[in-house]
PDB file of N, CA and C in Angstrom:
ATOM      1  N   MET A   1     -28.818 -45.147  40.866  1.00  0.00           N
ATOM      2  CA  MET A   1     -27.623 -44.786  40.092  1.00  0.00           C
ATOM      3  C   MET A   1     -28.211 -44.387  38.545  1.00  0.00           C
ATOM      4  N   ALA A   2     -27.825 -42.943  38.230  1.00  0.00           N
ATOM      5  CA  ALA A   2     -28.033 -42.642  37.011  1.00  0.00           C
ATOM      6  C   ALA A   2     -27.199 -43.081  35.878  1.00  0.00           C
ATOM      7  N   PRO A   3     -28.230 -43.436  34.592  1.00  0.00           N
ATOM      8  CA  PRO A   3     -27.381 -44.069  33.369  1.00  0.00           C
ATOM      9  C   PRO A   3     -26.168 -42.736  33.045  1.00  0.00           C
ATOM     10  N   LYS A   4     -24.922 -43.488  32.803  1.00  0.00           N
ATOM     11  CA  LYS A   4     -24.089 -42.538  32.085  1.00  0.00           C
ATOM     12  C   LYS A   4     -24.461 -42.011  30.736  1.00  0.00           C
ATOM     13  N   GLN A   5     -24.189 -40.657  30.868  1.00  0.00           N
ATOM     14  CA  GLN A   5     -24.663 -40.016  29.607  1.00  0.00           C
ATOM     15  C   GLN A   5     -23.631 -39.306  29.041  1.00  0.00           C
ATOM     16  N   TYR A   6     -23.305 -39.311  27.623  1.00  0.00           N
ATOM     17  CA  TYR A   6     -22.350 -39.074  26.729  1.00  0.00           C
ATOM     18  C   TYR A   6     -22.723 -37.688  25.744  1.00  0.00           C
ATOM     19  N   GLU A   7     -21.831 -37.037  25.113  1.00  0.00           N
ATOM     20  CA  GLU A   7     -22.058 -36.060  24.285  1.00  0.00           C
ATOM     21  C   GLU A   7     -21.871 -36.824  22.924  1.00  0.00           C
ATOM     22  N   VAL A   8     -22.449 -36.685  22.026  1.00  0.00           N
ATOM     23  CA  VAL A   8     -22.502 -37.070  20.296  1.00  0.00           C
ATOM     24  C   VAL A   8     -22.181 -36.033  19.719  1.00  0.00           C
ATOM     25  N   VAL A   9     -20.838 -36.390  18.773  1.00  0.00           N
ATOM     26  CA  VAL A   9     -20.667 -35.521  17.724  1.00  0.00           C
ATOM     27  C   VAL A   9     -20.930 -35.965  16.285  1.00  0.00           C
ATOM     28  N   ILE A  10     -21.496 -35.398  15.490  1.00  0.00           N
ATOM     29  CA  ILE A  10     -21.849 -35.919  14.334  1.00  0.00           C
ATOM     30  C   ILE A  10     -20.920 -35.158  13.294  1.00  0.00           C
ATOM     31  N   LYS A  11     -20.119 -35.815  12.460  1.00  0.00           N
ATOM     32  CA  LYS A  11     -19.408 -35.094  11.501  1.00  0.00           C
ATOM     33  C   LYS A  11     -19.613 -35.772  10.115  1.00  0.00           C
ATOM     34  N   LEU A  12     -19.589 -35.155   9.222  1.00  0.00           N
ATOM     35  CA  LEU A  12     -19.621 -35.729   7.799  1.00  0.00           C
ATOM     36  C   LEU A  12     -18.284 -36.052   7.287  1.00  0.00           C
ATOM     37  N   ILE A  13     -17.745 -37.315   6.916  1.00  0.00           N
ATOM     38  CA  ILE A  13     -16.462 -37.802   6.870  1.00  0.00           C
ATOM     39  C   ILE A  13     -16.114 -38.243   5.303  1.00  0.00           C
ATOM     40  N   ASP A  14     -17.089 -38.361   4.576  1.00  0.00           N
ATOM     41  CA  ASP A  14     -16.935 -38.959   3.372  1.00  0.00           C
ATOM     42  C   ASP A  14     -18.156 -38.814   2.584  1.00  0.00           C
ATOM     43  N   ASN A  15     -18.316 -38.649   1.240  1.00  0.00           N
ATOM     44  CA  ASN A  15     -19.483 -38.712   0.058  1.00  0.00           C
ATOM     45  C   ASN A  15     -18.972 -38.932  -1.285  1.00  0.00           C
ATOM     46  N   LYS A  16     -20.051 -39.708  -2.101  1.00  0.00           N
ATOM     47  CA  LYS A  16     -19.019 -39.837  -3.345  1.00  0.00           C
ATOM     48  C   LYS A  16     -19.623 -38.705  -4.494  1.00  0.00           C
ATOM     49  N   SER A  17     -20.467 -37.880  -3.725  1.00  0.00           N
ATOM     50  CA  SER A  17     -20.965 -36.849  -4.886  1.00  0.00           C
ATOM     51  C   SER A  17     -21.272 -35.543  -4.066  1.00  0.00           C
ATOM     52  N   PRO A  18     -21.599 -34.208  -4.785  1.00  0.00           N
ATOM     53  CA  PRO A  18     -21.829 -33.317  -3.828  1.00  0.00           C
ATOM     54  C   PRO A  18     -23.505 -33.520  -3.275  1.00  0.00           C
ATOM     55  N   CYS A  19     -23.523 -33.049  -2.164  1.00  0.00           N
ATOM     56  CA  CYS A  19     -24.676 -33.270  -1.199  1.00  0.00           C
ATOM     57  C   CYS A  19     -25.796 -32.296  -1.709  1.00  0.00           C
ATOM     58  N   HIS A  20     -26.927 -32.821  -1.868  1.00  0.00           N
ATOM     59  CA  HIS A  20     -28.144 -31.924  -2.372  1.00  0.00           C
ATOM     60  C   HIS A  20     -28.474 -30.904  -1.173  1.00  0.00           C
ATOM     61  N   SER A  21     -28.036 -31.086   0.003  1.00  0.00           N
ATOM     62  CA  SER A  21     -28.288 -30.177   1.136  1.00  0.00           C
ATOM     63  C   SER A  21     -27.299 -29.271   1.275  1.00  0.00           C
ATOM     64  N   GLY A  22     -26.038 -29.437   0.347  1.00  0.00           N
ATOM     65  CA  GLY A  22     -24.889 -28.307   0.342  1.00  0.00           C
ATOM     66  C   GLY A  22     -24.110 -28.860   1.817  1.00  0.00           C
ATOM     67  N   HIS A  23     -24.171 -30.099   2.308  1.00  0.00           N
ATOM     68  CA  HIS A  23     -23.136 -30.439   3.383  1.00  0.00           C
ATOM     69  C   HIS A  23     -21.882 -30.592   2.789  1.00  0.00           C
ATOM     70  N   LYS A  24     -20.589 -30.308   3.580  1.00  0.00           N
ATOM     71  CA  LYS A  24     -19.471 -30.416   3.012  1.00  0.00           C
ATOM     72  C   LYS A  24     -18.818 -31.462   3.770  1.00  0.00           C
ATOM     73  N   ILE A  25     -17.517 -32.184   3.385  1.00  0.00           N
ATOM     74  CA  ILE A  25     -16.886 -32.996   4.461  1.00  0.00           C
ATOM     75  C   ILE A  25     -16.386 -31.947   5.388  1.00  0.00           C
ATOM     76  N   GLY A  26     -16.427 -32.472   6.741  1.00  0.00           N
ATOM     77  CA  GLY A  26     -15.773 -31.524   7.704  1.00  0.00           C
ATOM     78  C   GLY A  26     -16.872 -30.936   8.738  1.00  0.00           C
ATOM     79  N   ASP A  27     -18.070 -31.030   8.103  1.00  0.00           N
ATOM     80  CA  ASP A  27     -19.084 -30.197   8.623  1.00  0.00           C
ATOM     81  C   ASP A  27     -19.608 -31.113   9.852  1.00  0.00           C
ATOM     82  N   GLN A  28     -19.706 -30.368  11.068  1.00  0.00           N
ATOM     83  CA  GLN A  28     -20.418 -31.325  12.298  1.00  0.00           C
ATOM     84  C   GLN A  28     -21.038 -30.572  13.046  1.00  0.00           C
ATOM     85  N   TRP A  29     -21.687 -31.153  13.799  1.00  0.00           N
ATOM     86  CA  TRP A  29     -23.158 -31.047  14.683  1.00  0.00           C
ATOM     87  C   TRP A  29     -23.011 -31.961  16.072  1.00  0.00           C
ATOM     88  N   VAL A  30     -23.577 -31.256  17.001  1.00  0.00           N
ATOM     89  CA  VAL A  30     -23.733 -32.009  18.477  1.00  0.00           C
ATOM     90  C   VAL A  30     -24.921 -32.589  18.279  1.00  0.00           C
ATOM     91  N   PHE A  31     -25.368 -33.742  18.615  1.00  0.00           N
ATOM     92  CA  PHE A  31     -26.602 -34.352  18.829  1.00  0.00           C
ATOM     93  C   PHE A  31     -27.399 -33.889  19.842  1.00  0.00           C
ATOM     94  N   ASP A  32     -28.654 -33.339  19.905  1.00  0.00           N
ATOM     95  CA  ASP A  32     -29.484 -32.911  20.840  1.00  0.00           C
ATOM     96  C   ASP A  32     -30.534 -33.164  20.650  1.00  0.00           C
ATOM     97  N   TYR A  33     -31.297 -34.185  20.296  1.00  0.00           N
ATOM     98  CA  TYR A  33     -32.550 -34.874  20.232  1.00  0.00           C
ATOM     99  C   TYR A  33     -33.414 -34.039  18.748  1.00  0.00           C
ATOM    100  N   MET A  34     -33.168 -32.941  18.499  1.00  0.00           N
ATOM    101  CA  MET A  34     -33.716 -31.977  17.426  1.00  0.00           C
ATOM    102  C   MET A  34     -32.796 -31.780  16.313  1.00  0.00           C
ATOM    103  N   THR A  35     -33.588 -31.919  15.031  1.00  0.00           N
ATOM    104  CA  THR A  35     -32.314 -31.715  13.898  1.00  0.00           C
ATOM    105  C   THR A  35     -31.615 -30.334  13.990  1.00  0.00           C
ATOM    106  N   PRO A  36     -30.216 -30.768  13.761  1.00  0.00           N
ATOM    107  CA  PRO A  36     -29.413 -29.482  14.240  1.00  0.00           C
ATOM    108  C   PRO A  36     -29.586 -28.467  13.062  1.00  0.00           C
ATOM    109  N   PRO A  37     -29.703 -27.145  13.355  1.00  0.00           N
ATOM    110  CA  PRO A  37     -29.600 -26.100  12.208  1.00  0.00           C
ATOM    111  C   PRO A  37     -28.713 -26.595  11.215  1.00  0.00           C
ATOM    112  N   GLY A  38     -29.449 -26.530  10.140  1.00  0.00           N
ATOM    113  CA  GLY A  38     -28.442 -26.438   8.692  1.00  0.00           C
ATOM    114  C   GLY A  38     -28.258 -28.087   8.404  1.00  0.00           C
ATOM    115  N   MET A  39     -28.725 -29.073   9.311  1.00  0.00           N
ATOM    116  CA  MET A  39     -28.336 -30.361   8.958  1.00  0.00           C
ATOM    117  C   MET A  39     -29.641 -31.038   8.205  1.00  0.00           C
ATOM    118  N   CYS A  40     -29.547 -31.610   7.207  1.00  0.00           N
ATOM    119  CA  CYS A  40     -30.488 -32.441   6.315  1.00  0.00           C
ATOM    120  C   CYS A  40     -31.403 -33.457   7.269  1.00  0.00           C
ATOM    121  N   GLY A  41     -32.629 -33.146   7.426  1.00  0.00           N
ATOM    122  CA  GLY A  41     -33.680 -33.846   7.950  1.00  0.00           C
ATOM    123  C   GLY A  41     -33.681 -35.535   7.529  1.00  0.00           C
ATOM    124  N   LEU A  42     -33.578 -35.736   6.366  1.00  0.00           N
ATOM    125  CA  LEU A  42     -33.363 -37.158   5.840  1.00  0.00           C
ATOM    126  C   LEU A  42     -32.276 -38.162   6.746  1.00  0.00           C
ATOM    127  N   ALA A  43     -30.968 -37.163   6.550  1.00  0.00           N
ATOM    128  CA  ALA A  43     -29.786 -37.934   7.284  1.00  0.00           C
ATOM    129  C   ALA A  43     -29.977 -37.897   8.667  1.00  0.00           C
ATOM    130  N   PHE A  44     -30.347 -36.713   9.249  1.00  0.00           N
ATOM    131  CA  PHE A  44     -30.661 -36.709  10.843  1.00  0.00           C
ATOM    132  C   PHE A  44     -31.611 -38.257  11.332  1.00  0.00           C
ATOM    133  N   ASN A  45     -32.697 -38.346  10.371  1.00  0.00           N
ATOM    134  CA  ASN A  45     -33.804 -39.151  10.672  1.00  0.00           C
ATOM    135  C   ASN A  45     -32.861 -40.587  10.754  1.00  0.00           C
ATOM    136  N   ALA A  46     -32.081 -40.873   9.594  1.00  0.00           N
ATOM    137  CA  ALA A  46     -31.047 -42.263   9.896  1.00  0.00           C
ATOM    138  C   ALA A  46     -30.179 -42.086  11.156  1.00  0.00           C
ATOM    139  N   ILE A  47     -29.495 -40.938  11.149  1.00  0.00           N
ATOM    140  CA  ILE A  47     -28.614 -40.930  12.476  1.00  0.00           C
ATOM    141  C   ILE A  47     -29.148 -41.202  13.743  1.00  0.00           C
ATOM    142  N   TYR A  48     -30.352 -40.591  14.083  1.00  0.00           N
ATOM    143  CA  TYR A  48     -30.928 -40.274  15.358  1.00  0.00           C
ATOM    144  C   TYR A  48     -31.073 -41.696  16.170  1.00  0.00           C
ATOM    145  N   PRO A  49     -31.473 -42.598  15.746  1.00  0.00           N
ATOM    146  CA  PRO A  49     -31.620 -43.846  16.699  1.00  0.00           C
ATOM    147  C   PRO A  49     -30.217 -44.220  17.102  1.00  0.00           C
ATOM    148  N   VAL A  50     -29.166 -44.167  16.130  1.00  0.00           N
ATOM    149  CA  VAL A  50     -27.758 -44.585  16.531  1.00  0.00           C
ATOM    150  C   VAL A  50     -27.280 -43.614  17.529  1.00  0.00           C
ATOM    151  N   ALA A  51     -27.434 -42.276  17.290  1.00  0.00           N
ATOM    152  CA  ALA A  51     -26.869 -41.263  18.069  1.00  0.00           C
ATOM    153  C   ALA A  51     -27.382 -41.513  19.635  1.00  0.00           C
ATOM    154  N   LEU A  52     -28.587 -41.425  19.488  1.00  0.00           N
ATOM    155  CA  LEU A  52     -29.492 -41.636  20.762  1.00  0.00           C
ATOM    156  C   LEU A  52     -28.881 -42.867  21.770  1.00  0.00           C
ATOM    157  N   ALA A  53     -28.546 -44.184  21.262  1.00  0.00           N
ATOM    158  CA  ALA A  53     -28.095 -45.170  21.796  1.00  0.00           C
ATOM    159  C   ALA A  53     -26.743 -45.089  22.160  1.00  0.00           C
ATOM    160  N   LEU A  54     -25.656 -44.435  21.306  1.00  0.00           N
ATOM    161  CA  LEU A  54     -24.474 -44.110  21.834  1.00  0.00           C
ATOM    162  C   LEU A  54     -24.422 -43.245  23.004  1.00  0.00           C
ATOM    163  N   GLU A  55     -25.700 -42.146  22.984  1.00  0.00           N
ATOM    164  CA  GLU A  55     -25.426 -41.149  24.073  1.00  0.00           C
ATOM    165  C   GLU A  55     -25.572 -41.777  25.500  1.00  0.00           C
ATOM    166  N   PHE A  56     -26.096 -42.730  25.450  1.00  0.00           N
ATOM    167  CA  PHE A  56     -26.628 -43.694  26.694  1.00  0.00           C
ATOM    168  C   PHE A  56     -25.887 -44.892  26.992  1.00  0.00           C
ATOM    169  N   GLY A  57     -24.608 -44.860  26.173  1.00  0.00           N
ATOM    170  CA  GLY A  57     -23.807 -45.793  26.405  1.00  0.00           C
ATOM    171  C   GLY A  57     -23.610 -47.169  25.588  1.00  0.00           C
ATOM    172  N   ALA A  58     -24.676 -47.080  24.749  1.00  0.00           N
ATOM    173  CA  ALA A  58     -24.658 -48.590  23.653  1.00  0.00           C
ATOM    174  C   ALA A  58     -23.261 -48.732  22.921  1.00  0.00           C
ATOM    175  N   THR A  59     -23.212 -49.823  22.838  1.00  0.00           N
ATOM    176  CA  THR A  59     -22.230 -50.340  21.776  1.00  0.00           C
ATOM    177  C   THR A  59     -22.603 -51.301  20.688  1.00  0.00           C
ATOM    178  N   PHE A  60     -22.067 -51.600  19.490  1.00  0.00           N
ATOM    179  CA  PHE A  60     -22.375 -52.379  18.388  1.00  0.00           C
ATOM    180  C   PHE A  60     -21.494 -53.317  18.279  1.00  0.00           C
ATOM    181  N   PRO A  61     -21.749 -54.517  18.014  1.00  0.00           N
ATOM    182  CA  PRO A  61     -20.674 -55.668  17.887  1.00  0.00           C
ATOM    183  C   PRO A  61     -19.940 -55.435  16.575  1.00  0.00           C
ATOM    184  N   TRP A  62     -20.251 -54.584  15.528  1.00  0.00           N
ATOM    185  CA  TRP A  62     -19.460 -54.258  14.578  1.00  0.00           C
ATOM    186  C   TRP A  62     -18.408 -52.908  14.740  1.00  0.00           C
ATOM    187  N   GLN A  63     -18.528 -52.375  15.806  1.00  0.00           N
ATOM    188  CA  GLN A  63     -17.597 -51.235  16.109  1.00  0.00           C
ATOM    189  C   GLN A  63     -16.262 -51.660  16.526  1.00  0.00           C
ATOM    190  N   GLU A  64     -15.158 -51.219  15.666  1.00  0.00           N
ATOM    191  CA  GLU A  64     -13.927 -51.277  16.223  1.00  0.00           C
ATOM    192  C   GLU A  64     -13.548 -50.674  17.346  1.00  0.00           C
ATOM    193  N   ASP A  65     -14.108 -49.387  17.573  1.00  0.00           N
ATOM    194  CA  ASP A  65     -13.839 -48.660  18.510  1.00  0.00           C
ATOM    195  C   ASP A  65     -15.213 -48.556  19.314  1.00  0.00           C
ATOM    196  N   PRO A  66     -15.364 -48.625  20.453  1.00  0.00           N
ATOM    197  CA  PRO A  66     -16.801 -48.665  20.839  1.00  0.00           C
ATOM    198  C   PRO A  66     -17.386 -46.988  21.014  1.00  0.00           C
ATOM    199  N   ASP A  67     -16.561 -46.084  20.878  1.00  0.00           N
ATOM    200  CA  ASP A  67     -16.817 -44.802  20.895  1.00  0.00           C
ATOM    201  C   ASP A  67     -17.246 -44.154  19.656  1.00  0.00           C
ATOM    202  N   VAL A  68     -17.126 -44.700  18.360  1.00  0.00           N
ATOM    203  CA  VAL A  68     -17.163 -44.201  17.044  1.00  0.00           C
ATOM    204  C   VAL A  68     -17.937 -45.498  16.186  1.00  0.00           C
ATOM    205  N   LEU A  69     -18.749 -44.731  15.546  1.00  0.00           N
ATOM    206  CA  LEU A  69     -19.594 -45.472  14.482  1.00  0.00           C
ATOM    207  C   LEU A  69     -20.169 -44.752  13.367  1.00  0.00           C
ATOM    208  N   THR A  70     -19.973 -45.245  12.066  1.00  0.00           N
ATOM    209  CA  THR A  70     -20.408 -44.659  10.857  1.00  0.00           C
ATOM    210  C   THR A  70     -21.631 -45.108  10.376  1.00  0.00           C
ATOM    211  N   ILE A  71     -22.321 -44.026   9.877  1.00  0.00           N
ATOM    212  CA  ILE A  71     -23.773 -44.239   9.196  1.00  0.00           C
ATOM    213  C   ILE A  71     -23.690 -43.547   8.107  1.00  0.00           C
ATOM    214  N   ALA A  72     -24.435 -44.105   7.032  1.00  0.00           N
ATOM    215  CA  ALA A  72     -24.866 -43.342   5.695  1.00  0.00           C
ATOM    216  C   ALA A  72     -26.194 -42.682   5.683  1.00  0.00           C
ATOM    217  N   CYS A  73     -25.885 -41.828   4.875  1.00  0.00           N
ATOM    218  CA  CYS A  73     -27.303 -40.919   4.511  1.00  0.00           C
ATOM    219  C   CYS A  73     -28.183 -41.775   3.842  1.00  0.00           C
ATOM    220  N   PRO A  74     -29.347 -41.754   3.737  1.00  0.00           N
ATOM    221  CA  PRO A  74     -30.294 -42.537   2.935  1.00  0.00           C
ATOM    222  C   PRO A  74     -30.400 -42.104   1.512  1.00  0.00           C
ATOM    223  N   ASP A  75     -29.404 -41.143   0.969  1.00  0.00           N
ATOM    224  CA  ASP A  75     -29.628 -40.564  -0.364  1.00  0.00           C
ATOM    225  C   ASP A  75     -28.656 -41.415  -1.283  1.00  0.00           C
ATOM    226  N   ALA A  76     -28.823 -42.305  -2.047  1.00  0.00           N
ATOM    227  CA  ALA A  76     -27.790 -43.049  -2.598  1.00  0.00           C
ATOM    228  C   ALA A  76     -26.994 -42.357  -3.635  1.00  0.00           C
ATOM    229  N   GLY A  77     -27.519 -41.264  -4.147  1.00  0.00           N
ATOM    230  CA  GLY A  77     -26.790 -40.744  -5.286  1.00  0.00           C
ATOM    231  C   GLY A  77     -25.554 -39.896  -4.607  1.00  0.00           C
ATOM    232  N   VAL A  78     -25.771 -39.663  -3.425  1.00  0.00           N
ATOM    233  CA  VAL A  78     -24.744 -38.785  -2.615  1.00  0.00           C
ATOM    234  C   VAL A  78     -23.922 -39.539  -1.672  1.00  0.00           C
ATOM    235  N   SER A  79     -24.668 -40.636  -1.112  1.00  0.00           N
ATOM    236  CA  SER A  79     -23.831 -41.586  -0.352  1.00  0.00           C
ATOM    237  C   SER A  79     -22.859 -40.815   0.584  1.00  0.00           C
ATOM    238  N   ASN A  80     -23.274 -39.781   1.547  1.00  0.00           N
ATOM    239  CA  ASN A  80     -22.706 -39.006   2.784  1.00  0.00           C
ATOM    240  C   ASN A  80     -22.553 -40.006   3.778  1.00  0.00           C
ATOM    241  N   ILE A  81     -21.395 -40.099   3.985  1.00  0.00           N
ATOM    242  CA  ILE A  81     -20.960 -40.735   5.285  1.00  0.00           C
ATOM    243  C   ILE A  81     -20.841 -39.991   6.346  1.00  0.00           C
ATOM    244  N   PHE A  82     -21.374 -40.332   7.474  1.00  0.00           N
ATOM    245  CA  PHE A  82     -21.211 -39.618   8.721  1.00  0.00           C
ATOM    246  C   PHE A  82     -20.527 -40.398  10.086  1.00  0.00           C
ATOM    247  N   GLU A  83     -19.606 -39.698  10.626  1.00  0.00           N
ATOM    248  CA  GLU A  83     -18.950 -40.384  11.869  1.00  0.00           C
ATOM    249  C   GLU A  83     -19.920 -39.791  13.085  1.00  0.00           C
ATOM    250  N   LEU A  84     -20.103 -40.512  13.814  1.00  0.00           N
ATOM    251  CA  LEU A  84     -20.615 -40.430  15.201  1.00  0.00           C
ATOM    252  C   LEU A  84     -19.760 -40.636  16.303  1.00  0.00           C
ATOM    253  N   ARG A  85     -19.486 -39.967  17.135  1.00  0.00           N
ATOM    254  CA  ARG A  85     -18.270 -40.043  18.130  1.00  0.00           C
ATOM    255  C   ARG A  85     -18.993 -39.790  19.297  1.00  0.00           C
ATOM    256  N   ARG A  86     -18.676 -40.491  20.441  1.00  0.00           N
ATOM    257  CA  ARG A  86     -19.161 -39.955  21.947  1.00  0.00           C
ATOM    258  C   ARG A  86     -17.791 -39.739  22.343  1.00  0.00           C
ATOM    259  N   ARG A  87     -18.193 -38.730  23.469  1.00  0.00           N
ATOM    260  CA  ARG A  87     -17.225 -38.172  24.394  1.00  0.00           C
ATOM    261  C   ARG A  87     -17.707 -37.883  25.668  1.00  0.00           C
ATOM    262  N   GLN A  88     -16.831 -38.092  26.691  1.00  0.00           N
ATOM    263  CA  GLN A  88     -17.444 -37.574  28.061  1.00  0.00           C
ATOM    264  C   GLN A  88     -18.099 -36.427  27.981  1.00  0.00           C
ATOM    265  N   LYS A  89     -19.265 -36.056  28.919  1.00  0.00           N
ATOM    266  CA  LYS A  89     -19.769 -34.516  28.809  1.00  0.00           C
ATOM    267  C   LYS A  89     -18.958 -33.829  30.135  1.00  0.00           C
TER     268      LYS A  89
END
């Protein structure tokens, strides 16, 4: 039996100051293993392992909703917060 696979949508939902890469709240991308065009590589590096796990059905004990997780960008001066939301393909 093949593992269930989902699509993971990455969306910038909050930040404490303007992003150095020019991201704006509401920007979104679909996870597809490579850094999406226009997305900061540092943010994607932080997001990648979690998005990959979500894509294949993983859950994390701190999630209120098993299909939604938030992740912070490693740039502490900006503090971009990304929502990762999985949905059926």
